């Protein structure tokens, strides 16, 4: 009985010590380091425009500590791309109370097999790498002493390469995560994400050495999760 009471008091003390987490988190000078998009659900859509003709592909993902890969298009151009939901790390700094500026960085390596069109089409395996840089601005709101809301918006730039192909795209990114305290200075967040591409291109080098370029555009809607550790300066 005595040990049970000691455990109960310890848990109560831990909860009490974290009761002011929301106020501490949004204060000027706070630094937040995050692991983002660790798992969740996403819907990816991409469009390739070549000589005025559009080719589209859509894929639904559920991922856990892995990057999503979408397959579509025709041949090497537009055939494979890494989704927006790849896990990433991020750093944010509160320049004034509640207002944060920061950026996320991500890297993914993937391998996918595509069945080539036409009679007797062979399978081809493609490997590639994707890099992500996403600067952003956020504003933290407090609901209770243990629950907060941290909407963020910015741009996401991605570059990717796959053997003789490559490309890049830029998207507007909006995130609306709700944050929940776990222990002092550690919080879990979950919420919707939107990556809306507005500019991009892909290119592929053919066997004869010529390079073909096409316009590429993608967007993704998801429900993502993350973990944030924060401390004051």
Protein backbone atom coordinates (compact mmCIF):
# COMPACT_ATOMS: atom_id res chain seq x y z
CA UNK A 1 0.00 0.00 0.00
CA UNK A 2 2.81 2.36 0.89
CA UNK A 3 4.55 1.68 -2.44
CA UNK A 4 1.27 2.30 -4.31
CA UNK A 5 0.85 5.67 -2.60
CA UNK A 6 4.44 6.59 -3.44
CA UNK A 7 3.85 5.79 -7.11
CA UNK A 8 0.63 7.79 -7.11
CA UNK A 9 2.37 10.81 -5.57
CA UNK A 10 5.21 10.48 -8.12
CA UNK A 11 2.78 10.49 -11.04
CA UNK A 12 0.88 13.43 -9.58
CA UNK A 13 4.12 15.36 -9.10
CA UNK A 14 5.14 14.69 -12.71
CA UNK A 15 1.79 15.90 -14.02
CA UNK A 16 1.91 18.96 -11.81
CA UNK A 17 5.41 19.79 -12.95
CA UNK A 18 4.26 19.68 -16.58
CA UNK A 19 1.05 21.65 -16.03
CA UNK A 20 2.59 24.88 -17.31
CA UNK A 21 4.13 23.36 -20.42
CA UNK A 22 2.00 25.32 -22.87
CA UNK A 23 3.02 28.69 -21.48
CA UNK A 24 6.69 27.70 -21.45
CA UNK A 25 6.52 26.40 -24.98
CA UNK A 26 5.27 29.59 -26.57
CA UNK A 27 7.59 32.00 -24.76
CA UNK A 28 10.11 34.19 -26.57
CA UNK A 29 13.47 32.46 -26.89
CA UNK A 30 12.10 28.90 -26.86
CA UNK A 31 13.87 26.46 -29.21
CA UNK A 32 11.89 23.46 -30.46
CA UNK A 33 13.52 20.43 -32.11
CA UNK A 34 11.08 18.09 -33.82
CA UNK A 35 10.89 14.69 -35.49
CA UNK A 36 8.01 15.09 -37.94
CA UNK A 37 5.69 12.99 -40.11
CA UNK A 38 6.74 9.87 -38.26
CA UNK A 39 3.58 8.01 -39.20
CA UNK A 40 0.20 8.79 -40.64
CA UNK A 41 -2.11 8.73 -43.63
CA UNK A 42 -1.60 10.66 -46.89
CA UNK A 43 -3.18 11.00 -50.31
CA UNK A 44 -0.69 11.95 -53.06
CA UNK A 45 -1.61 13.19 -56.53
CA UNK A 46 0.79 14.12 -59.34
CA UNK A 47 0.44 15.46 -62.87
CA UNK A 48 3.02 15.38 -65.67
CA UNK A 49 2.53 17.65 -68.71
CA UNK A 50 4.39 16.65 -71.87
CA UNK A 51 3.67 18.36 -75.22
CA UNK A 52 0.34 19.58 -73.92
CA UNK A 53 -0.75 16.12 -72.75
CA UNK A 54 -1.38 15.46 -69.06
CA UNK A 55 -0.67 12.18 -67.28
CA UNK A 56 -1.91 11.86 -63.69
CA UNK A 57 -1.47 9.37 -60.87
CA UNK A 58 -2.89 9.17 -57.35
CA UNK A 59 -1.77 6.97 -54.45
CA UNK A 60 -3.01 6.55 -50.88
CA UNK A 61 -0.40 5.77 -48.20
CA UNK A 62 -0.23 4.68 -44.60
CA UNK A 63 3.37 4.88 -43.43
CA UNK A 64 5.25 4.20 -40.20
CA UNK A 65 8.76 5.64 -39.95
CA UNK A 66 9.19 5.41 -43.73
CA UNK A 67 8.81 7.56 -46.83
CA UNK A 68 5.99 7.12 -49.28
CA UNK A 69 6.76 6.34 -52.91
CA UNK A 70 4.25 6.89 -55.70
CA UNK A 71 4.27 5.12 -59.05
CA UNK A 72 2.61 6.44 -62.19
CA UNK A 73 3.17 8.33 -65.41
CA UNK A 74 4.85 6.72 -68.41
CA UNK A 75 8.39 5.45 -68.58
CA UNK A 76 11.05 7.24 -66.60
CA UNK A 77 9.52 10.73 -66.68
CA UNK A 78 6.84 11.02 -64.09
CA UNK A 79 7.19 7.34 -63.36
CA UNK A 80 8.28 7.44 -59.72
CA UNK A 81 8.46 10.17 -57.13
CA UNK A 82 8.93 10.34 -53.37
CA UNK A 83 5.88 11.58 -51.48
CA UNK A 84 5.67 14.65 -49.25
CA UNK A 85 5.17 12.50 -46.14
CA UNK A 86 8.78 11.42 -45.69
CA UNK A 87 9.99 11.68 -42.06
CA UNK A 88 12.00 14.83 -41.40
CA UNK A 89 13.68 16.79 -38.64
CA UNK A 90 12.92 20.43 -37.89
CA UNK A 91 14.04 23.33 -35.75
CA UNK A 92 11.89 26.29 -34.71
CA UNK A 93 12.68 29.41 -32.69
CA UNK A 94 10.12 31.69 -31.00
CA UNK A 95 11.22 35.20 -31.94
CA UNK A 96 8.48 36.70 -29.76
CA UNK A 97 5.85 35.10 -27.55
CA UNK A 98 3.84 32.59 -29.61
CA UNK A 99 5.43 33.46 -33.00
CA UNK A 100 7.95 30.91 -34.34
CA UNK A 101 10.18 30.72 -37.40
CA UNK A 102 11.98 27.58 -38.49
CA UNK A 103 12.57 24.96 -41.15
CA UNK A 104 12.36 21.22 -41.74
CA UNK A 105 14.93 19.03 -43.50
CA UNK A 106 14.36 15.58 -44.94
CA UNK A 107 16.09 12.87 -46.96
CA UNK A 108 14.69 9.69 -48.48
CA UNK A 109 16.18 6.82 -50.46
CA UNK A 110 13.80 4.48 -52.25
CA UNK A 111 13.55 1.66 -54.75
CA UNK A 112 10.53 0.82 -56.90
CA UNK A 113 9.72 -1.65 -59.68
CA UNK A 114 7.58 -0.50 -62.64
CA UNK A 115 6.00 -2.67 -65.35
CA UNK A 116 6.77 -1.06 -68.73
CA UNK A 117 3.80 -0.61 -71.11
CA UNK A 118 3.28 -2.54 -74.30
CA UNK A 119 3.24 -6.24 -75.23
CA UNK A 120 5.90 -8.19 -73.42
CA UNK A 121 6.92 -5.15 -71.39
CA UNK A 122 9.70 -5.86 -68.96
CA UNK A 123 9.92 -4.80 -65.36
CA UNK A 124 12.42 -2.08 -64.50
CA UNK A 125 13.67 -1.25 -61.02
CA UNK A 126 14.43 2.36 -60.19
CA UNK A 127 16.27 3.67 -57.14
CA UNK A 128 16.41 7.29 -56.14
CA UNK A 129 17.06 9.95 -53.54
CA UNK A 130 14.94 12.87 -52.43
CA UNK A 131 15.94 15.97 -50.43
CA UNK A 132 13.46 18.31 -48.74
CA UNK A 133 13.85 21.83 -47.35
CA UNK A 134 10.78 23.51 -45.84
CA UNK A 135 11.08 26.98 -44.22
CA UNK A 136 8.00 28.06 -42.25
CA UNK A 137 6.33 30.44 -39.79
CA UNK A 138 4.07 29.32 -36.95
CA UNK A 139 1.84 30.69 -34.19
CA UNK A 140 1.21 28.78 -30.97
CA UNK A 141 -2.17 28.90 -29.21
CA UNK A 142 -2.97 27.51 -25.76
CA UNK A 143 -6.23 25.63 -25.16
CA UNK A 144 -5.48 24.14 -21.73
CA UNK A 145 -2.33 23.75 -19.64
CA UNK A 146 -1.65 20.45 -21.46
CA UNK A 147 -3.10 20.97 -24.96
CA UNK A 148 -2.00 23.52 -27.56
CA UNK A 149 -2.47 24.30 -31.23
CA UNK A 150 0.50 25.20 -33.46
CA UNK A 151 -0.56 26.08 -37.03
CA UNK A 152 2.36 26.63 -39.43
CA UNK A 153 2.73 27.71 -43.03
CA UNK A 154 5.56 28.04 -45.52
CA UNK A 155 7.16 26.58 -48.62
CA UNK A 156 8.56 23.13 -49.36
CA UNK A 157 11.32 22.63 -51.92
CA UNK A 158 12.16 19.10 -53.05
CA UNK A 159 14.83 17.83 -55.41
CA UNK A 160 15.02 14.21 -56.41
CA UNK A 161 17.06 11.98 -58.68
CA UNK A 162 16.54 8.45 -59.98
CA UNK A 163 19.43 7.07 -62.06
CA UNK A 164 19.10 8.92 -65.42
CA UNK A 165 16.12 11.02 -64.27
CA UNK A 166 15.66 13.88 -61.82
CA UNK A 167 13.63 16.92 -61.01
CA UNK A 168 12.40 19.38 -58.43
CA UNK A 169 9.19 20.97 -57.26
CA UNK A 170 7.96 23.70 -54.89
CA UNK A 171 4.81 23.60 -52.79
CA UNK A 172 2.87 25.75 -50.36
CA UNK A 173 2.78 23.83 -47.07
CA UNK A 174 0.16 24.22 -44.33
CA UNK A 175 0.17 22.23 -41.09
CA UNK A 176 -2.34 22.39 -38.23
CA UNK A 177 -1.05 20.13 -35.44
CA UNK A 178 -2.52 19.83 -31.96
CA UNK A 179 0.20 19.36 -29.33
CA UNK A 180 -0.16 17.25 -26.18
CA UNK A 181 2.31 17.22 -23.31
CA UNK A 182 3.97 13.91 -22.41
CA UNK A 183 6.59 14.87 -19.84
CA UNK A 184 8.17 18.26 -19.13
CA UNK A 185 9.71 19.70 -22.32
CA UNK A 186 8.44 16.86 -24.52
CA UNK A 187 5.22 16.95 -26.51
CA UNK A 188 3.44 14.78 -29.07
CA UNK A 189 1.60 16.43 -31.95
CA UNK A 190 -0.92 15.24 -34.52
CA UNK A 191 -2.92 17.05 -37.17
CA UNK A 192 -3.74 17.60 -40.84
CA UNK A 193 -1.12 18.61 -43.43
CA UNK A 194 -1.43 20.05 -46.92
CA UNK A 195 1.36 20.32 -49.50
CA UNK A 196 0.10 22.14 -52.60
CA UNK A 197 2.60 22.13 -55.46
CA UNK A 198 2.68 25.07 -57.83
CA UNK A 199 5.93 24.71 -59.82
CA UNK A 200 8.17 21.84 -60.82
CA UNK A 201 9.82 19.87 -63.59
CA UNK A 202 11.30 16.47 -64.32
CA UNK A 203 13.89 15.35 -66.83
CA UNK A 204 15.20 12.04 -68.14
CA UNK A 205 18.28 11.23 -70.22
CA UNK A 206 17.56 8.68 -72.92
CA UNK A 207 19.90 5.92 -74.14
CA UNK A 208 20.97 8.10 -77.10
CA UNK A 209 22.10 10.85 -74.73
CA UNK A 210 19.22 13.28 -75.35
CA UNK A 211 17.38 14.80 -72.39
CA UNK A 212 13.62 15.24 -72.23
CA UNK A 213 12.04 17.67 -69.75
CA UNK A 214 8.40 17.89 -68.68
CA UNK A 215 6.37 19.98 -66.25
CA UNK A 216 5.63 18.23 -62.97
CA UNK A 217 3.08 19.18 -60.31
CA UNK A 218 2.01 17.33 -57.16
CA UNK A 219 -0.03 17.81 -54.02
CA UNK A 220 -0.60 15.78 -50.87
CA UNK A 221 -3.23 15.80 -48.11
CA UNK A 222 -2.53 13.91 -44.93
CA UNK A 223 -2.94 13.32 -41.23
CA UNK A 224 0.54 13.25 -39.67
CA UNK A 225 2.18 12.92 -36.26
CA UNK A 226 5.40 14.09 -34.67
CA UNK A 227 7.40 14.54 -31.49
CA UNK A 228 8.90 17.81 -30.24
CA UNK A 229 11.49 18.56 -27.55
CA UNK A 230 11.79 22.20 -26.45
CA UNK A 231 13.92 24.29 -24.13
CA UNK A 232 14.53 27.97 -23.38
CA UNK A 233 17.60 30.04 -24.17
